[in-house]
Amino acid sequence: MFRLLAMLAAVTPAVSSVLIPGESCGYFAYTPLSVELPQPSAPAAIVWTLGGWSADYLPVALALLALWLPRRFAVLGASASAAVLVLGALTVVIPYTTLCGSQRGEWLVLLCYAAALTACLLDRVDHRPRRPARRATAAAWTAVLFIAVGRDLAATMPISSAGDLGCYASLQDTWALVQMHLLTAEATGVWVGVAAVGAVLAPGPAALSAALVLLVPALYEPVAQFASSAPHNCSGGLELVSWFYVGAAALGVAGSLAPRSRTAA
């Protein structure tokens, strides 16, 4: 139970970044080249970069611990959560200067990491017997995690030309709005969080539900294109399917349906 609570706390910042709209301060494409744009200091750049990466992949670290090192989850999970909490606290102390002005870390996000740390510590005093996942289950969900992380990294890469978009459907209105939110969820690590939650719950019906959720980013675009009759630049509708997520969902289903180990952890 405490492992699940730790994971939910760790993925909350990613989910909230999709549900709560961010702030905008204007468009700077026409700023004269002679004007020196504000830049963050070196310490701020280091702290914010480390803090961002560590926060993004804390759920992955916790999931891997739950799958492969369940006996060390409390200690190592608490250590990882504490490190992310410290880096997050530094972003509150050290502002990051951007075109939108000086930005600081959010206290609400720090509370999420503090909750994850607390849940990991409570897991150490929870002496209820646990059944660790079999190696096949752990391997399947580890693959799901790495697929989700790979898609997350790909979504954050800059696009240099329209050709980089590849095959896509020209969705409109609500269909396009939902697609935009799904792409934002991918870039902010929401699907990584779904995979991590499934890994902590595996095996079982709850993990199966998490695996099936990954079919949403896999199948939304072809379903939306078919339902709205939107044009696309693909040779066939199947090219709109995100086969990476289909594979991740299939691995998650296989790992969720596998029997548990009889050995207590």
C-alpha atoms as a PDB file:
ATOM      1  CA  MET A   1       0.000   0.000   0.000  1.00  0.00           C
ATOM      2  CA  PHE A   2       2.736   2.481   0.958  1.00  0.00           C
ATOM      3  CA  ARG A   3       4.608   1.725  -2.256  1.00  0.00           C
ATOM      4  CA  LEU A   4       1.551   2.659  -4.253  1.00  0.00           C
ATOM      5  CA  LEU A   5       1.104   5.852  -2.210  1.00  0.00           C
ATOM      6  CA  ALA A   6       4.756   6.765  -2.817  1.00  0.00           C
ATOM      7  CA  MET A   7       4.292   6.215  -6.536  1.00  0.00           C
ATOM      8  CA  LEU A   8       1.081   8.241  -6.700  1.00  0.00           C
ATOM      9  CA  ALA A   9       2.799  11.109  -4.908  1.00  0.00           C
ATOM     10  CA  ALA A  10       5.739  10.940  -7.313  1.00  0.00           C
ATOM     11  CA  VAL A  11       3.545  11.083 -10.446  1.00  0.00           C
ATOM     12  CA  THR A  12       1.198  13.808  -9.175  1.00  0.00           C
ATOM     13  CA  PRO A  13       3.391  16.721 -10.422  1.00  0.00           C
ATOM     14  CA  ALA A  14       3.314  15.348 -13.984  1.00  0.00           C
ATOM     15  CA  VAL A  15      -0.451  14.882 -13.903  1.00  0.00           C
ATOM     16  CA  SER A  16      -1.040  18.324 -12.396  1.00  0.00           C
ATOM     17  CA  SER A  17       1.080  19.941 -15.126  1.00  0.00           C
ATOM     18  CA  VAL A  18      -1.466  18.687 -17.669  1.00  0.00           C
ATOM     19  CA  LEU A  19      -4.590  19.510 -15.659  1.00  0.00           C
ATOM     20  CA  ILE A  20      -3.442  22.965 -14.530  1.00  0.00           C
ATOM     21  CA  PRO A  21      -2.697  25.295 -17.481  1.00  0.00           C
ATOM     22  CA  GLY A  22       0.642  27.060 -17.444  1.00  0.00           C
ATOM     23  CA  GLU A  23       1.267  30.777 -17.657  1.00  0.00           C
ATOM     24  CA  SER A  24       2.201  32.610 -20.846  1.00  0.00           C
ATOM     25  CA  CYS A  25       4.062  35.894 -21.046  1.00  0.00           C
ATOM     26  CA  GLY A  26       3.929  36.689 -24.739  1.00  0.00           C
ATOM     27  CA  TYR A  27       5.675  35.912 -28.003  1.00  0.00           C
ATOM     28  CA  PHE A  28       9.286  36.943 -28.488  1.00  0.00           C
ATOM     29  CA  ALA A  29       9.950  35.918 -32.075  1.00  0.00           C
ATOM     30  CA  TYR A  30      10.301  39.555 -33.125  1.00  0.00           C
ATOM     31  CA  THR A  31      12.707  40.650 -30.399  1.00  0.00           C
ATOM     32  CA  PRO A  32      15.604  42.537 -32.076  1.00  0.00           C
ATOM     33  CA  LEU A  33      18.865  40.601 -32.156  1.00  0.00           C
ATOM     34  CA  SER A  34      20.601  43.602 -30.601  1.00  0.00           C
ATOM     35  CA  VAL A  35      18.579  43.158 -27.411  1.00  0.00           C
ATOM     36  CA  GLU A  36      20.279  40.874 -24.898  1.00  0.00           C
ATOM     37  CA  LEU A  37      17.796  38.317 -23.645  1.00  0.00           C
ATOM     38  CA  PRO A  38      17.842  37.416 -19.945  1.00  0.00           C
ATOM     39  CA  GLN A  39      19.720  34.234 -19.147  1.00  0.00           C
ATOM     40  CA  PRO A  40      19.729  32.078 -15.987  1.00  0.00           C
ATOM     41  CA  SER A  41      22.873  31.953 -13.895  1.00  0.00           C
ATOM     42  CA  ALA A  42      25.108  28.864 -14.045  1.00  0.00           C
ATOM     43  CA  PRO A  43      24.064  27.618 -10.568  1.00  0.00           C
ATOM     44  CA  ALA A  44      20.392  28.093 -11.461  1.00  0.00           C
ATOM     45  CA  ALA A  45      20.794  26.211 -14.732  1.00  0.00           C
ATOM     46  CA  ILE A  46      22.506  23.290 -12.970  1.00  0.00           C
ATOM     47  CA  VAL A  47      20.012  23.114 -10.102  1.00  0.00           C
ATOM     48  CA  TRP A  48      16.942  23.404 -12.291  1.00  0.00           C
ATOM     49  CA  THR A  49      18.230  20.903 -14.865  1.00  0.00           C
ATOM     50  CA  LEU A  50      19.101  18.307 -12.227  1.00  0.00           C
ATOM     51  CA  GLY A  51      15.876  18.969 -10.365  1.00  0.00           C
ATOM     52  CA  GLY A  52      13.789  18.602 -13.501  1.00  0.00           C
ATOM     53  CA  TRP A  53      15.363  15.349 -14.650  1.00  0.00           C
ATOM     54  CA  SER A  54      15.327  13.793 -11.190  1.00  0.00           C
ATOM     55  CA  ALA A  55      11.668  14.697 -10.662  1.00  0.00           C
ATOM     56  CA  ASP A  56      10.677  13.371 -14.078  1.00  0.00           C
ATOM     57  CA  TYR A  57      12.241   9.975 -13.473  1.00  0.00           C
ATOM     58  CA  LEU A  58      11.645   9.456  -9.770  1.00  0.00           C
ATOM     59  CA  PRO A  59       8.609   7.281 -10.639  1.00  0.00           C
ATOM     60  CA  VAL A  60      10.835   5.134 -12.868  1.00  0.00           C
ATOM     61  CA  ALA A  61      13.370   4.660 -10.066  1.00  0.00           C
ATOM     62  CA  LEU A  62      10.656   3.687  -7.584  1.00  0.00           C
ATOM     63  CA  ALA A  63       9.077   1.284 -10.071  1.00  0.00           C
ATOM     64  CA  LEU A  64      12.389  -0.465 -10.793  1.00  0.00           C
ATOM     65  CA  LEU A  65      13.046  -0.807  -7.070  1.00  0.00           C
ATOM     66  CA  ALA A  66       9.610  -2.334  -6.531  1.00  0.00           C
ATOM     67  CA  LEU A  67      10.177  -4.796  -9.376  1.00  0.00           C
ATOM     68  CA  TRP A  68      13.770  -5.855  -8.791  1.00  0.00           C
ATOM     69  CA  LEU A  69      14.792  -4.827  -5.262  1.00  0.00           C
ATOM     70  CA  PRO A  70      11.611  -5.004  -3.177  1.00  0.00           C
ATOM     71  CA  ARG A  71      13.513  -5.534   0.073  1.00  0.00           C
ATOM     72  CA  ARG A  72      15.508  -2.358  -0.531  1.00  0.00           C
ATOM     73  CA  PHE A  73      12.547  -0.281  -1.681  1.00  0.00           C
ATOM     74  CA  ALA A  74      12.075   1.595   1.592  1.00  0.00           C
ATOM     75  CA  VAL A  75      15.718   2.657   1.997  1.00  0.00           C
ATOM     76  CA  LEU A  76      16.599   3.328  -1.631  1.00  0.00           C
ATOM     77  CA  GLY A  77      13.198   4.799  -2.448  1.00  0.00           C
ATOM     78  CA  ALA A  78      13.404   7.158   0.508  1.00  0.00           C
ATOM     79  CA  SER A  79      16.923   8.176  -0.533  1.00  0.00           C
ATOM     80  CA  ALA A  80      15.815   8.915  -4.090  1.00  0.00           C
ATOM     81  CA  SER A  81      12.754  10.847  -2.899  1.00  0.00           C
ATOM     82  CA  ALA A  82      14.877  12.822  -0.436  1.00  0.00           C
ATOM     83  CA  ALA A  83      17.341  13.760  -3.197  1.00  0.00           C
ATOM     84  CA  VAL A  84      14.508  14.990  -5.431  1.00  0.00           C
ATOM     85  CA  LEU A  85      13.015  16.895  -2.495  1.00  0.00           C
ATOM     86  CA  VAL A  86      16.332  18.652  -1.799  1.00  0.00           C
ATOM     87  CA  LEU A  87      16.789  19.603  -5.452  1.00  0.00           C
ATOM     88  CA  GLY A  88      13.206  20.831  -5.561  1.00  0.00           C
ATOM     89  CA  ALA A  89      13.794  22.943  -2.466  1.00  0.00           C
ATOM     90  CA  LEU A  90      16.845  24.497  -4.143  1.00  0.00           C
ATOM     91  CA  THR A  91      14.641  25.597  -7.065  1.00  0.00           C
ATOM     92  CA  VAL A  92      12.588  27.567  -4.542  1.00  0.00           C
ATOM     93  CA  VAL A  93      15.705  29.215  -3.131  1.00  0.00           C
ATOM     94  CA  ILE A  94      17.521  29.755  -6.456  1.00  0.00           C
ATOM     95  CA  PRO A  95      15.334  31.525  -9.055  1.00  0.00           C
ATOM     96  CA  TYR A  96      15.554  30.713 -12.754  1.00  0.00           C
ATOM     97  CA  THR A  97      15.595  33.757 -15.042  1.00  0.00           C
ATOM     98  CA  THR A  98      13.685  33.423 -18.314  1.00  0.00           C
ATOM     99  CA  LEU A  99      11.981  35.665 -20.846  1.00  0.00           C
ATOM    100  CA  CYS A 100       8.950  35.545 -18.571  1.00  0.00           C
ATOM    101  CA  GLY A 101      10.916  36.861 -15.608  1.00  0.00           C
ATOM    102  CA  SER A 102      12.220  35.175 -12.480  1.00  0.00           C
ATOM    103  CA  GLN A 103      10.676  31.783 -11.706  1.00  0.00           C
ATOM    104  CA  ARG A 104      10.865  29.702  -8.554  1.00  0.00           C
ATOM    105  CA  GLY A 105       9.869  26.157  -7.684  1.00  0.00           C
ATOM    106  CA  GLU A 106       6.390  25.452  -6.355  1.00  0.00           C
ATOM    107  CA  TRP A 107       5.719  24.428  -2.768  1.00  0.00           C
ATOM    108  CA  LEU A 108       2.872  22.142  -3.818  1.00  0.00           C
ATOM    109  CA  VAL A 109       5.313  20.062  -5.868  1.00  0.00           C
ATOM    110  CA  LEU A 110       7.636  19.821  -2.860  1.00  0.00           C
ATOM    111  CA  LEU A 111       4.764  18.467  -0.789  1.00  0.00           C
ATOM    112  CA  CYS A 112       4.334  15.665  -3.329  1.00  0.00           C
ATOM    113  CA  TYR A 113       7.974  14.615  -2.972  1.00  0.00           C
ATOM    114  CA  ALA A 114       7.752  14.900   0.812  1.00  0.00           C
ATOM    115  CA  ALA A 115       4.711  12.605   0.677  1.00  0.00           C
ATOM    116  CA  ALA A 116       6.651  10.131  -1.469  1.00  0.00           C
ATOM    117  CA  LEU A 117       9.518  10.203   1.036  1.00  0.00           C
ATOM    118  CA  THR A 118       7.136   9.637   3.947  1.00  0.00           C
ATOM    119  CA  ALA A 119       5.410   6.738   2.187  1.00  0.00           C
ATOM    120  CA  CYS A 120       8.764   5.065   1.502  1.00  0.00           C
ATOM    121  CA  LEU A 121       9.732   5.379   5.161  1.00  0.00           C
ATOM    122  CA  LEU A 122       6.374   3.967   6.260  1.00  0.00           C
ATOM    123  CA  ASP A 123       6.862   1.037   3.919  1.00  0.00           C
ATOM    124  CA  ARG A 124       9.898   0.058   6.011  1.00  0.00           C
ATOM    125  CA  VAL A 125       7.783  -0.414   9.133  1.00  0.00           C
ATOM    126  CA  ASP A 126       5.032  -2.259   7.269  1.00  0.00           C
ATOM    127  CA  HIS A 127       5.690  -5.901   8.136  1.00  0.00           C
ATOM    128  CA  ARG A 128       2.830  -7.416   6.195  1.00  0.00           C
ATOM    129  CA  PRO A 129       3.964 -10.318   3.971  1.00  0.00           C
ATOM    130  CA  ARG A 130       4.437  -9.415   0.318  1.00  0.00           C
ATOM    131  CA  ARG A 131       4.751 -11.531  -2.787  1.00  0.00           C
ATOM    132  CA  PRO A 132       7.372 -10.255  -5.190  1.00  0.00           C
ATOM    133  CA  ALA A 133       6.774 -10.393  -8.911  1.00  0.00           C
ATOM    134  CA  ARG A 134       8.300 -13.177 -10.941  1.00  0.00           C
ATOM    135  CA  ARG A 135      11.277 -12.301 -13.116  1.00  0.00           C
ATOM    136  CA  ALA A 136       9.167 -12.557 -16.255  1.00  0.00           C
ATOM    137  CA  THR A 137       6.690 -10.049 -14.824  1.00  0.00           C
ATOM    138  CA  ALA A 138       9.482  -7.731 -13.699  1.00  0.00           C
ATOM    139  CA  ALA A 139      11.127  -7.944 -17.111  1.00  0.00           C
ATOM    140  CA  ALA A 140       7.848  -7.228 -18.925  1.00  0.00           C
ATOM    141  CA  TRP A 141       7.066  -4.151 -16.862  1.00  0.00           C
ATOM    142  CA  THR A 142      10.666  -2.953 -17.079  1.00  0.00           C
ATOM    143  CA  ALA A 143      10.305  -3.029 -20.855  1.00  0.00           C
ATOM    144  CA  VAL A 144       7.033  -1.090 -20.540  1.00  0.00           C
ATOM    145  CA  LEU A 145       8.825   1.541 -18.468  1.00  0.00           C
ATOM    146  CA  PHE A 146      11.654   1.952 -20.963  1.00  0.00           C
ATOM    147  CA  ILE A 147       9.243   2.218 -23.893  1.00  0.00           C
ATOM    148  CA  ALA A 148       7.325   4.968 -22.071  1.00  0.00           C
ATOM    149  CA  VAL A 149      10.560   6.767 -21.189  1.00  0.00           C
ATOM    150  CA  GLY A 150      11.699   6.555 -24.810  1.00  0.00           C
ATOM    151  CA  ARG A 151       8.457   8.099 -26.049  1.00  0.00           C
ATOM    152  CA  ASP A 152       8.734  10.783 -23.382  1.00  0.00           C
ATOM    153  CA  LEU A 153      12.243  11.704 -24.549  1.00  0.00           C
ATOM    154  CA  ALA A 154      11.162  11.695 -28.195  1.00  0.00           C
ATOM    155  CA  ALA A 155       8.243  14.027 -27.397  1.00  0.00           C
ATOM    156  CA  THR A 156      10.579  16.606 -25.834  1.00  0.00           C
ATOM    157  CA  MET A 157      12.983  16.737 -28.777  1.00  0.00           C
ATOM    158  CA  PRO A 158      12.786  19.900 -30.907  1.00  0.00           C
ATOM    159  CA  ILE A 159      11.163  19.699 -34.340  1.00  0.00           C
ATOM    160  CA  SER A 160      13.252  21.341 -37.055  1.00  0.00           C
ATOM    161  CA  SER A 161      10.852  20.908 -39.970  1.00  0.00           C
ATOM    162  CA  ALA A 162       7.403  19.695 -40.894  1.00  0.00           C
ATOM    163  CA  GLY A 163       8.981  16.507 -42.210  1.00  0.00           C
ATOM    164  CA  ASP A 164       9.924  15.533 -38.671  1.00  0.00           C
ATOM    165  CA  LEU A 165       6.247  15.165 -37.836  1.00  0.00           C
ATOM    166  CA  GLY A 166       6.004  12.147 -40.096  1.00  0.00           C
ATOM    167  CA  CYS A 167       2.597  10.659 -40.746  1.00  0.00           C
ATOM    168  CA  TYR A 168      -0.295  12.461 -39.062  1.00  0.00           C
ATOM    169  CA  ALA A 169      -4.010  13.216 -39.337  1.00  0.00           C
ATOM    170  CA  SER A 170      -5.253  16.799 -39.720  1.00  0.00           C
ATOM    171  CA  LEU A 171      -7.683  16.712 -36.814  1.00  0.00           C
ATOM    172  CA  GLN A 172      -9.910  19.689 -36.083  1.00  0.00           C
ATOM    173  CA  ASP A 173     -11.960  21.174 -33.239  1.00  0.00           C
ATOM    174  CA  THR A 174     -12.387  18.993 -30.147  1.00  0.00           C
ATOM    175  CA  TRP A 175     -10.528  16.094 -31.739  1.00  0.00           C
ATOM    176  CA  ALA A 176      -7.455  18.273 -32.181  1.00  0.00           C
ATOM    177  CA  LEU A 177      -7.770  19.717 -28.669  1.00  0.00           C
ATOM    178  CA  VAL A 178      -7.831  16.271 -27.092  1.00  0.00           C
ATOM    179  CA  GLN A 179      -4.872  15.223 -29.202  1.00  0.00           C
ATOM    180  CA  MET A 180      -2.946  18.281 -28.032  1.00  0.00           C
ATOM    181  CA  HIS A 181      -3.607  17.348 -24.398  1.00  0.00           C
ATOM    182  CA  LEU A 182      -2.475  13.779 -25.064  1.00  0.00           C
ATOM    183  CA  LEU A 183       0.761  15.033 -26.624  1.00  0.00           C
ATOM    184  CA  THR A 184       1.301  17.304 -23.635  1.00  0.00           C
ATOM    185  CA  ALA A 185       0.724  14.346 -21.339  1.00  0.00           C
ATOM    186  CA  GLU A 186       3.375  12.408 -23.223  1.00  0.00           C
ATOM    187  CA  ALA A 187       5.920  15.239 -23.021  1.00  0.00           C
ATOM    188  CA  THR A 188       5.341  15.800 -19.298  1.00  0.00           C
ATOM    189  CA  GLY A 189       5.736  12.126 -18.423  1.00  0.00           C
ATOM    190  CA  VAL A 190       2.146  11.172 -17.645  1.00  0.00           C
ATOM    191  CA  TRP A 191       2.382   7.892 -19.581  1.00  0.00           C
ATOM    192  CA  VAL A 192       5.675   7.172 -17.830  1.00  0.00           C
ATOM    193  CA  GLY A 193       3.749   7.608 -14.595  1.00  0.00           C
ATOM    194  CA  VAL A 194       1.016   5.227 -15.759  1.00  0.00           C
ATOM    195  CA  ALA A 195       3.663   2.607 -16.589  1.00  0.00           C
ATOM    196  CA  ALA A 196       5.333   3.149 -13.210  1.00  0.00           C
ATOM    197  CA  VAL A 197       2.055   2.729 -11.322  1.00  0.00           C
ATOM    198  CA  GLY A 198       1.358  -0.459 -13.240  1.00  0.00           C
ATOM    199  CA  ALA A 199       4.818  -1.764 -12.397  1.00  0.00           C
ATOM    200  CA  VAL A 200       4.225  -1.233  -8.670  1.00  0.00           C
ATOM    201  CA  LEU A 201       0.838  -2.960  -8.855  1.00  0.00           C
ATOM    202  CA  ALA A 202       1.977  -5.885 -11.029  1.00  0.00           C
ATOM    203  CA  PRO A 203       0.796  -8.527 -11.307  1.00  0.00           C
ATOM    204  CA  GLY A 204      -2.951  -8.321 -10.926  1.00  0.00           C
ATOM    205  CA  PRO A 205      -6.099  -6.660 -12.284  1.00  0.00           C
ATOM    206  CA  ALA A 206      -5.040  -3.171 -11.170  1.00  0.00           C
ATOM    207  CA  ALA A 207      -1.819  -3.453 -13.158  1.00  0.00           C
ATOM    208  CA  LEU A 208      -3.851  -4.761 -16.091  1.00  0.00           C
ATOM    209  CA  SER A 209      -5.922  -1.563 -16.001  1.00  0.00           C
ATOM    210  CA  ALA A 210      -2.745   0.535 -16.133  1.00  0.00           C
ATOM    211  CA  ALA A 211      -1.536  -1.461 -19.136  1.00  0.00           C
ATOM    212  CA  LEU A 212      -4.820  -0.911 -20.956  1.00  0.00           C
ATOM    213  CA  VAL A 213      -4.635   2.850 -20.294  1.00  0.00           C
ATOM    214  CA  LEU A 214      -1.524   2.899 -22.504  1.00  0.00           C
ATOM    215  CA  LEU A 215      -3.797   2.061 -25.441  1.00  0.00           C
ATOM    216  CA  VAL A 216      -5.179   5.609 -25.226  1.00  0.00           C
ATOM    217  CA  PRO A 217      -2.081   7.296 -26.731  1.00  0.00           C
ATOM    218  CA  ALA A 218      -1.640   4.269 -28.994  1.00  0.00           C
ATOM    219  CA  LEU A 219      -5.052   4.326 -30.658  1.00  0.00           C
ATOM    220  CA  TYR A 220      -6.483   7.813 -30.195  1.00  0.00           C
ATOM    221  CA  GLU A 221      -5.269   9.315 -33.464  1.00  0.00           C
ATOM    222  CA  PRO A 222      -6.517   6.552 -35.801  1.00  0.00           C
ATOM    223  CA  VAL A 223      -9.841   6.380 -33.944  1.00  0.00           C
ATOM    224  CA  ALA A 224     -10.230  10.173 -34.069  1.00  0.00           C
ATOM    225  CA  GLN A 225      -9.292  10.252 -37.742  1.00  0.00           C
ATOM    226  CA  PHE A 226     -11.821   7.552 -38.584  1.00  0.00           C
ATOM    227  CA  ALA A 227     -14.579   9.120 -36.476  1.00  0.00           C
ATOM    228  CA  SER A 228     -14.067  12.637 -37.848  1.00  0.00           C
ATOM    229  CA  SER A 229     -13.118  11.650 -41.413  1.00  0.00           C
ATOM    230  CA  ALA A 230     -10.105  13.953 -41.130  1.00  0.00           C
ATOM    231  CA  PRO A 231      -7.547  13.880 -43.955  1.00  0.00           C
ATOM    232  CA  HIS A 232      -4.115  12.439 -43.348  1.00  0.00           C
ATOM    233  CA  ASN A 233      -0.814  12.153 -45.187  1.00  0.00           C
ATOM    234  CA  CYS A 234      -0.344   8.418 -44.536  1.00  0.00           C
ATOM    235  CA  SER A 235      -0.433   5.556 -46.988  1.00  0.00           C
ATOM    236  CA  GLY A 236      -2.877   3.774 -44.677  1.00  0.00           C
ATOM    237  CA  GLY A 237      -4.790   4.303 -41.463  1.00  0.00           C
ATOM    238  CA  LEU A 238      -2.671   1.777 -39.557  1.00  0.00           C
ATOM    239  CA  GLU A 239       0.301   4.132 -39.831  1.00  0.00           C
ATOM    240  CA  LEU A 240      -1.480   6.433 -37.400  1.00  0.00           C
ATOM    241  CA  VAL A 241      -1.273   3.787 -34.662  1.00  0.00           C
ATOM    242  CA  SER A 242       1.507   4.350 -32.127  1.00  0.00           C
ATOM    243  CA  TRP A 243       2.896   0.839 -32.182  1.00  0.00           C
ATOM    244  CA  PHE A 244       5.353   1.606 -29.383  1.00  0.00           C
ATOM    245  CA  TYR A 245       2.457   2.073 -26.967  1.00  0.00           C
ATOM    246  CA  VAL A 246       0.657  -0.962 -28.401  1.00  0.00           C
ATOM    247  CA  GLY A 247       3.740  -3.028 -27.615  1.00  0.00           C
ATOM    248  CA  ALA A 248       3.980  -1.488 -24.152  1.00  0.00           C
ATOM    249  CA  ALA A 249       0.323  -2.290 -23.460  1.00  0.00           C
ATOM    250  CA  ALA A 250       0.755  -5.871 -24.679  1.00  0.00           C
ATOM    251  CA  LEU A 251       3.809  -6.395 -22.456  1.00  0.00           C
ATOM    252  CA  GLY A 252       1.947  -4.875 -19.529  1.00  0.00           C
ATOM    253  CA  VAL A 253      -1.024  -7.183 -20.061  1.00  0.00           C
ATOM    254  CA  ALA A 254       1.268 -10.212 -20.241  1.00  0.00           C
ATOM    255  CA  GLY A 255       3.063  -9.133 -17.083  1.00  0.00           C
ATOM    256  CA  SER A 256      -0.190  -8.445 -15.266  1.00  0.00           C
ATOM    257  CA  LEU A 257      -1.680 -11.832 -16.036  1.00  0.00           C
ATOM    258  CA  ALA A 258       1.414 -13.756 -14.932  1.00  0.00           C
ATOM    259  CA  PRO A 259       1.052 -15.676 -11.636  1.00  0.00           C
ATOM    260  CA  ARG A 260       2.631 -14.312  -8.496  1.00  0.00           C
ATOM    261  CA  SER A 261       5.639 -15.852  -6.857  1.00  0.00           C
ATOM    262  CA  ARG A 262       4.920 -17.939  -3.783  1.00  0.00           C
ATOM    263  CA  THR A 263       8.021 -16.654  -2.043  1.00  0.00           C
ATOM    264  CA  ALA A 264       7.330 -13.889   0.468  1.00  0.00           C
ATOM    265  CA  ALA A 265       9.480 -10.769   0.328  1.00  0.00           C
END
